[in-house]
Amino acid sequence: MTSDMMPPHSASVFWAAGMIERAADEIADFKLLELPIEEAEDTQIMFEKAAELTEILNKFKDQTFEDWCAKMKSEAPTYLDEPIITRPDPSTVNVNFNAEVG
């Protein structure tokens, strides 16, 4: 589960990592059973599909991070040139925070 407060790229990577962990935990628990079903062809197919899922999710995480890095290389200087905190008037404080950066 991700928070609504997480930036899109961070939430995507967090979600994929959670799915990888969840799948790995289920497969590990299944392997602990030590039953004859573990030798079945269908079981081997399940293990292969779990490995494929993990590979796909890892590629998704890597691509999402690379996309974010490329975006930040072009956009970060714009954000970094602006002041972090401004006070348009004595009763107001503005913060230079862009959700896309996170």
Protein backbone atom coordinates (compact mmCIF):
# COMPACT_ATOMS: atom_id res chain seq x y z
CA MET A 1 0.00 0.00 0.00
CA THR A 2 1.22 3.47 -0.79
CA SER A 3 0.35 6.79 0.76
CA ASP A 4 -1.58 9.43 -1.15
CA MET A 5 1.09 11.84 0.04
CA MET A 6 3.90 10.03 -1.80
CA PRO A 7 5.14 11.49 -5.08
CA PRO A 8 4.18 9.33 -8.10
CA HIS A 9 7.65 7.96 -8.83
CA SER A 10 8.38 7.13 -5.19
CA ALA A 11 4.99 5.49 -4.78
CA SER A 12 5.55 3.35 -7.88
CA VAL A 13 8.93 2.11 -6.68
CA PHE A 14 7.57 1.51 -3.16
CA TRP A 15 4.60 -0.45 -4.54
CA ALA A 16 6.80 -2.64 -6.76
CA ALA A 17 9.18 -3.37 -3.87
CA GLY A 18 6.22 -4.38 -1.72
CA MET A 19 4.91 -6.71 -4.41
CA ILE A 20 8.33 -8.34 -4.79
CA GLU A 21 8.56 -8.89 -1.04
CA ARG A 22 5.03 -10.27 -0.86
CA ALA A 23 5.63 -12.76 -3.69
CA ALA A 24 8.98 -13.85 -2.21
CA ASP A 25 7.40 -14.42 1.21
CA GLU A 26 4.63 -16.57 -0.27
CA ILE A 27 7.05 -18.70 -2.28
CA ALA A 28 9.35 -19.12 0.74
CA ASP A 29 6.41 -20.23 2.89
CA PHE A 30 5.31 -22.68 0.20
CA LYS A 31 8.79 -24.19 -0.03
CA LEU A 32 8.78 -24.81 3.73
CA LEU A 33 5.91 -27.28 3.38
CA GLU A 34 8.20 -30.10 2.18
CA LEU A 35 5.36 -32.02 0.56
CA PRO A 36 5.45 -34.20 -2.57
CA ILE A 37 3.54 -31.48 -4.41
CA GLU A 38 6.76 -29.46 -4.48
CA GLU A 39 8.09 -31.85 -7.14
CA ALA A 40 5.00 -31.51 -9.36
CA GLU A 41 5.30 -29.89 -12.78
CA ASP A 42 2.66 -27.29 -11.91
CA THR A 43 4.61 -26.31 -8.82
CA GLN A 44 7.76 -25.80 -10.88
CA ILE A 45 5.76 -23.63 -13.29
CA MET A 46 4.53 -21.58 -10.31
CA PHE A 47 8.13 -21.06 -9.15
CA GLU A 48 9.14 -19.98 -12.67
CA LYS A 49 6.21 -17.54 -12.88
CA ALA A 50 7.13 -16.07 -9.50
CA ALA A 51 10.70 -15.56 -10.73
CA GLU A 52 9.37 -13.92 -13.92
CA LEU A 53 7.13 -11.63 -11.87
CA THR A 54 10.06 -10.60 -9.69
CA GLU A 55 12.15 -9.86 -12.78
CA ILE A 56 9.38 -7.77 -14.35
CA LEU A 57 8.83 -5.80 -11.14
CA ASN A 58 12.57 -5.18 -10.73
CA LYS A 59 12.76 -3.88 -14.31
CA PHE A 60 9.75 -1.65 -13.59
CA LYS A 61 11.44 -0.25 -10.47
CA ASP A 62 14.69 0.38 -12.32
CA GLN A 63 12.95 2.04 -15.28
CA THR A 64 10.82 4.21 -13.00
CA PHE A 65 13.90 5.37 -11.12
CA GLU A 66 15.82 6.03 -14.36
CA ASP A 67 12.88 8.06 -15.71
CA TRP A 68 12.80 10.12 -12.51
CA CYS A 69 16.57 10.71 -12.64
CA ALA A 70 16.36 11.89 -16.25
CA LYS A 71 13.49 14.20 -15.39
CA MET A 72 15.32 15.63 -12.39
CA LYS A 73 18.49 16.31 -14.40
CA SER A 74 16.51 18.68 -16.56
CA GLU A 75 14.10 20.11 -13.96
CA ALA A 76 16.08 20.19 -10.70
CA PRO A 77 18.14 23.29 -11.54
CA THR A 78 14.89 25.24 -11.89
CA TYR A 79 13.76 24.21 -8.42
CA LEU A 80 17.18 24.68 -6.85
CA ASP A 81 17.53 28.24 -8.12
CA GLU A 82 14.41 29.32 -6.23
CA PRO A 83 14.52 30.23 -2.53
CA ILE A 84 13.43 27.47 -0.16
CA ILE A 85 11.23 29.73 1.98
CA THR A 86 9.66 33.06 1.08
CA ARG A 87 7.54 35.48 3.08
CA PRO A 88 5.27 37.45 0.76
CA ASP A 89 3.92 39.23 3.84
CA PRO A 90 4.55 38.92 7.61
CA SER A 91 1.65 36.52 8.17
CA THR A 92 2.44 34.13 5.30
CA VAL A 93 5.26 31.66 4.71
CA ASN A 94 5.62 29.89 1.35
CA VAL A 95 7.72 26.77 0.97
CA ASN A 96 9.40 25.85 -2.32
CA PHE A 97 8.31 22.22 -2.45
CA ASN A 98 7.41 20.48 -5.65
CA ALA A 99 5.80 17.05 -5.23
CA GLU A 100 7.31 15.86 -8.51
CA VAL A 101 10.82 16.15 -7.10
CA GLY A 102 10.24 13.59 -4.35
